[in-house]
Amino acid sequence: MIIHIVMFKFKEENKKSNIKEVAEKLNSLSKLIPELKSIEVGVNFTDSDRAFDLSLYSTFETKEDLASYAIHPEHLKVVELIKSMTLESKVVDYIL
């Protein structure tokens, strides 16, 4: 199983509503992309300089499934939205 984790730091402008919108869009991908086996989106509540605002934890059967997800048109739409609202992101992918 492949684990894909991404963390996002959002711009201050419309931060709360943007986080909510992105969380909804990410969660909707589970119904649109068959390769995506599971998805969990979490909104941070910790007030720390080290903290990011939103995290994504998703699973895939294979590296190829993750690669298909990465270029899927529905995923790319969400990526473009996220890029317009965030300052920074970090990712880690690993085999469980």
N, C-alpha and C. Protein backbone atom coordinates (compact mmCIF):
# COMPACT_ATOMS: atom_id res chain seq x y z
N MET A 1 0.84 -1.18 0.00
CA MET A 1 0.00 0.00 0.00
C MET A 1 0.89 1.24 0.00
N ILE A 2 0.47 2.25 -0.74
CA ILE A 2 1.18 3.53 -0.83
C ILE A 2 0.45 4.57 0.00
N ILE A 3 1.22 5.29 0.82
CA ILE A 3 0.68 6.39 1.61
C ILE A 3 1.20 7.70 1.01
N HIS A 4 0.28 8.63 0.83
CA HIS A 4 0.59 9.95 0.26
C HIS A 4 0.10 11.00 1.25
N ILE A 5 1.03 11.77 1.81
CA ILE A 5 0.69 12.81 2.79
C ILE A 5 1.15 14.15 2.25
N VAL A 6 0.27 15.14 2.32
CA VAL A 6 0.61 16.50 1.91
C VAL A 6 0.11 17.46 2.98
N MET A 7 0.92 18.47 3.29
CA MET A 7 0.53 19.51 4.23
C MET A 7 0.58 20.86 3.51
N PHE A 8 -0.38 21.72 3.83
CA PHE A 8 -0.50 23.01 3.15
C PHE A 8 -0.53 24.15 4.15
N LYS A 9 0.17 25.23 3.81
CA LYS A 9 0.12 26.47 4.57
C LYS A 9 -0.59 27.50 3.69
N PHE A 10 -1.71 28.01 4.17
CA PHE A 10 -2.55 28.91 3.38
C PHE A 10 -2.18 30.38 3.57
N LYS A 11 -2.47 31.16 2.54
CA LYS A 11 -2.35 32.62 2.63
C LYS A 11 -3.38 33.12 3.64
N GLU A 12 -3.11 34.26 4.25
CA GLU A 12 -4.01 34.81 5.28
C GLU A 12 -5.35 35.28 4.70
N GLU A 13 -5.35 35.78 3.48
CA GLU A 13 -6.58 36.29 2.87
C GLU A 13 -7.62 35.18 2.73
N ASN A 14 -8.79 35.37 3.32
CA ASN A 14 -9.91 34.41 3.28
C ASN A 14 -9.49 33.02 3.74
N LYS A 15 -8.59 32.95 4.69
CA LYS A 15 -7.98 31.69 5.09
C LYS A 15 -8.99 30.63 5.51
N LYS A 16 -9.89 30.96 6.40
CA LYS A 16 -10.85 29.96 6.90
C LYS A 16 -11.75 29.43 5.80
N SER A 17 -12.27 30.31 4.98
CA SER A 17 -13.17 29.86 3.92
C SER A 17 -12.40 29.09 2.84
N ASN A 18 -11.17 29.49 2.58
CA ASN A 18 -10.36 28.77 1.59
C ASN A 18 -10.01 27.36 2.08
N ILE A 19 -9.68 27.24 3.35
CA ILE A 19 -9.39 25.92 3.91
C ILE A 19 -10.62 25.02 3.80
N LYS A 20 -11.76 25.57 4.13
CA LYS A 20 -13.01 24.79 4.05
C LYS A 20 -13.27 24.34 2.62
N GLU A 21 -13.12 25.25 1.66
CA GLU A 21 -13.35 24.92 0.25
C GLU A 21 -12.40 23.83 -0.23
N VAL A 22 -11.13 23.96 0.09
CA VAL A 22 -10.14 22.97 -0.34
C VAL A 22 -10.42 21.62 0.30
N ALA A 23 -10.76 21.61 1.57
CA ALA A 23 -11.08 20.35 2.25
C ALA A 23 -12.24 19.64 1.56
N GLU A 24 -13.27 20.39 1.21
CA GLU A 24 -14.42 19.80 0.51
C GLU A 24 -14.03 19.26 -0.86
N LYS A 25 -13.24 20.02 -1.60
CA LYS A 25 -12.81 19.58 -2.94
C LYS A 25 -11.94 18.33 -2.85
N LEU A 26 -11.03 18.30 -1.90
CA LEU A 26 -10.18 17.12 -1.74
C LEU A 26 -11.02 15.90 -1.38
N ASN A 27 -11.93 16.06 -0.44
CA ASN A 27 -12.78 14.94 -0.05
C ASN A 27 -13.63 14.42 -1.20
N SER A 28 -14.02 15.29 -2.10
CA SER A 28 -14.86 14.88 -3.24
C SER A 28 -14.10 13.99 -4.22
N LEU A 29 -12.77 14.02 -4.18
CA LEU A 29 -11.98 13.23 -5.12
C LEU A 29 -12.17 11.73 -4.93
N SER A 30 -12.56 11.31 -3.75
CA SER A 30 -12.73 9.87 -3.50
C SER A 30 -13.82 9.26 -4.37
N LYS A 31 -14.77 10.08 -4.79
CA LYS A 31 -15.86 9.60 -5.65
C LYS A 31 -15.53 9.73 -7.14
N LEU A 32 -14.46 10.45 -7.44
CA LEU A 32 -14.14 10.77 -8.82
C LEU A 32 -12.92 10.04 -9.38
N ILE A 33 -12.07 9.53 -8.50
CA ILE A 33 -10.82 8.92 -8.94
C ILE A 33 -10.73 7.50 -8.38
N PRO A 34 -10.95 6.50 -9.21
CA PRO A 34 -10.99 5.11 -8.73
C PRO A 34 -9.70 4.63 -8.07
N GLU A 35 -8.56 5.14 -8.50
CA GLU A 35 -7.27 4.71 -7.93
C GLU A 35 -7.09 5.15 -6.48
N LEU A 36 -7.83 6.17 -6.07
CA LEU A 36 -7.75 6.70 -4.71
C LEU A 36 -8.54 5.79 -3.78
N LYS A 37 -7.84 5.02 -2.96
CA LYS A 37 -8.49 4.03 -2.09
C LYS A 37 -9.11 4.66 -0.85
N SER A 38 -8.43 5.63 -0.25
CA SER A 38 -8.98 6.34 0.89
C SER A 38 -8.36 7.73 0.98
N ILE A 39 -9.09 8.62 1.63
CA ILE A 39 -8.60 9.99 1.79
C ILE A 39 -9.09 10.51 3.14
N GLU A 40 -8.21 11.22 3.80
CA GLU A 40 -8.54 11.87 5.08
C GLU A 40 -7.96 13.27 5.02
N VAL A 41 -8.79 14.26 5.26
CA VAL A 41 -8.36 15.65 5.23
C VAL A 41 -8.56 16.23 6.62
N GLY A 42 -7.50 16.82 7.16
CA GLY A 42 -7.57 17.37 8.51
C GLY A 42 -7.20 18.83 8.54
N VAL A 43 -7.97 19.59 9.34
CA VAL A 43 -7.70 21.02 9.52
C VAL A 43 -6.99 21.20 10.86
N ASN A 44 -5.87 21.86 10.83
CA ASN A 44 -5.06 22.07 12.02
C ASN A 44 -5.76 22.98 13.03
N PHE A 45 -5.58 22.68 14.31
CA PHE A 45 -6.10 23.55 15.37
C PHE A 45 -4.98 24.09 16.26
N THR A 46 -3.74 23.71 16.01
CA THR A 46 -2.61 24.13 16.82
C THR A 46 -2.09 25.48 16.37
N ASP A 47 -1.92 26.39 17.31
CA ASP A 47 -1.38 27.71 17.02
C ASP A 47 0.13 27.67 17.27
N SER A 48 0.88 27.41 16.22
CA SER A 48 2.33 27.29 16.32
C SER A 48 2.95 27.77 15.03
N ASP A 49 4.12 28.36 15.13
CA ASP A 49 4.83 28.82 13.92
C ASP A 49 5.19 27.65 13.01
N ARG A 50 5.37 26.46 13.59
CA ARG A 50 5.73 25.27 12.81
C ARG A 50 4.53 24.62 12.14
N ALA A 51 3.33 24.99 12.53
CA ALA A 51 2.13 24.31 12.07
C ALA A 51 1.76 24.69 10.64
N PHE A 52 1.24 23.70 9.93
CA PHE A 52 0.60 23.93 8.64
C PHE A 52 -0.90 23.94 8.88
N ASP A 53 -1.66 24.39 7.90
CA ASP A 53 -3.09 24.62 8.10
C ASP A 53 -3.98 23.42 7.77
N LEU A 54 -3.57 22.61 6.83
CA LEU A 54 -4.41 21.51 6.37
C LEU A 54 -3.51 20.35 5.96
N SER A 55 -3.96 19.14 6.25
CA SER A 55 -3.19 17.98 5.82
C SER A 55 -4.08 17.01 5.06
N LEU A 56 -3.45 16.29 4.17
CA LEU A 56 -4.11 15.27 3.35
C LEU A 56 -3.37 13.96 3.57
N TYR A 57 -4.13 12.92 3.91
CA TYR A 57 -3.58 11.57 4.07
C TYR A 57 -4.39 10.69 3.14
N SER A 58 -3.73 10.10 2.14
CA SER A 58 -4.47 9.27 1.19
C SER A 58 -3.70 7.99 0.91
N THR A 59 -4.44 6.97 0.46
CA THR A 59 -3.83 5.67 0.21
C THR A 59 -4.13 5.20 -1.21
N PHE A 60 -3.17 4.41 -1.72
CA PHE A 60 -3.25 3.85 -3.06
C PHE A 60 -2.71 2.43 -3.00
N GLU A 61 -3.13 1.59 -3.90
CA GLU A 61 -2.63 0.22 -3.95
C GLU A 61 -1.19 0.15 -4.44
N THR A 62 -0.87 0.95 -5.45
CA THR A 62 0.45 0.87 -6.09
C THR A 62 1.00 2.26 -6.38
N LYS A 63 2.30 2.32 -6.68
CA LYS A 63 2.91 3.57 -7.12
C LYS A 63 2.28 4.06 -8.42
N GLU A 64 1.91 3.12 -9.27
CA GLU A 64 1.27 3.48 -10.54
C GLU A 64 -0.09 4.14 -10.31
N ASP A 65 -0.82 3.67 -9.30
CA ASP A 65 -2.11 4.29 -8.97
C ASP A 65 -1.90 5.72 -8.48
N LEU A 66 -0.87 5.93 -7.68
CA LEU A 66 -0.55 7.29 -7.22
C LEU A 66 -0.18 8.17 -8.41
N ALA A 67 0.59 7.62 -9.34
CA ALA A 67 0.97 8.38 -10.54
C ALA A 67 -0.25 8.74 -11.38
N SER A 68 -1.20 7.82 -11.50
CA SER A 68 -2.44 8.10 -12.24
C SER A 68 -3.25 9.19 -11.56
N TYR A 69 -3.33 9.13 -10.24
CA TYR A 69 -4.02 10.14 -9.45
C TYR A 69 -3.39 11.52 -9.68
N ALA A 70 -2.07 11.56 -9.70
CA ALA A 70 -1.35 12.83 -9.83
C ALA A 70 -1.69 13.57 -11.12
N ILE A 71 -2.00 12.83 -12.18
CA ILE A 71 -2.29 13.48 -13.46
C ILE A 71 -3.78 13.44 -13.83
N HIS A 72 -4.59 12.93 -12.92
CA HIS A 72 -6.04 12.86 -13.20
C HIS A 72 -6.60 14.28 -13.32
N PRO A 73 -7.44 14.55 -14.32
CA PRO A 73 -7.97 15.91 -14.52
C PRO A 73 -8.69 16.48 -13.30
N GLU A 74 -9.43 15.67 -12.57
CA GLU A 74 -10.15 16.18 -11.38
C GLU A 74 -9.15 16.57 -10.29
N HIS A 75 -8.11 15.79 -10.14
CA HIS A 75 -7.06 16.13 -9.16
C HIS A 75 -6.35 17.42 -9.58
N LEU A 76 -6.04 17.54 -10.85
CA LEU A 76 -5.33 18.73 -11.33
C LEU A 76 -6.15 20.00 -11.13
N LYS A 77 -7.46 19.92 -11.23
CA LYS A 77 -8.32 21.08 -10.94
C LYS A 77 -8.14 21.54 -9.49
N VAL A 78 -8.12 20.57 -8.58
CA VAL A 78 -7.95 20.90 -7.16
C VAL A 78 -6.54 21.43 -6.90
N VAL A 79 -5.55 20.87 -7.56
CA VAL A 79 -4.18 21.35 -7.41
C VAL A 79 -4.08 22.83 -7.80
N GLU A 80 -4.69 23.20 -8.90
CA GLU A 80 -4.64 24.61 -9.34
C GLU A 80 -5.32 25.52 -8.33
N LEU A 81 -6.45 25.08 -7.79
CA LEU A 81 -7.14 25.86 -6.75
C LEU A 81 -6.23 26.02 -5.54
N ILE A 82 -5.63 24.92 -5.10
CA ILE A 82 -4.75 24.96 -3.93
C ILE A 82 -3.57 25.90 -4.16
N LYS A 83 -2.97 25.83 -5.32
CA LYS A 83 -1.83 26.70 -5.62
C LYS A 83 -2.20 28.18 -5.51
N SER A 84 -3.42 28.52 -5.86
CA SER A 84 -3.85 29.93 -5.80
C SER A 84 -4.10 30.40 -4.37
N MET A 85 -4.25 29.48 -3.42
CA MET A 85 -4.62 29.83 -2.05
C MET A 85 -3.53 29.58 -1.02
N THR A 86 -2.46 28.92 -1.42
CA THR A 86 -1.45 28.52 -0.44
C THR A 86 -0.11 29.22 -0.66
N LEU A 87 0.66 29.21 0.42
CA LEU A 87 2.02 29.75 0.39
C LEU A 87 3.05 28.65 0.23
N GLU A 88 2.72 27.48 0.76
CA GLU A 88 3.72 26.41 0.84
C GLU A 88 3.01 25.07 0.99
N SER A 89 3.68 24.03 0.52
CA SER A 89 3.20 22.67 0.76
C SER A 89 4.39 21.73 0.92
N LYS A 90 4.18 20.65 1.61
CA LYS A 90 5.19 19.60 1.81
C LYS A 90 4.53 18.26 1.53
N VAL A 91 5.31 17.31 1.02
CA VAL A 91 4.75 16.02 0.68
C VAL A 91 5.68 14.91 1.13
N VAL A 92 5.11 13.77 1.46
CA VAL A 92 5.88 12.54 1.69
C VAL A 92 5.05 11.39 1.15
N ASP A 93 5.71 10.51 0.43
CA ASP A 93 5.09 9.30 -0.12
C ASP A 93 5.92 8.11 0.35
N TYR A 94 5.25 7.07 0.82
CA TYR A 94 6.00 5.90 1.27
C TYR A 94 5.18 4.64 1.12
N ILE A 95 5.89 3.51 1.17
CA ILE A 95 5.25 2.19 1.08
C ILE A 95 4.99 1.70 2.50
N LEU A 96 3.78 1.28 2.74
CA LEU A 96 3.42 0.74 4.06
C LEU A 96 3.60 -0.75 4.06
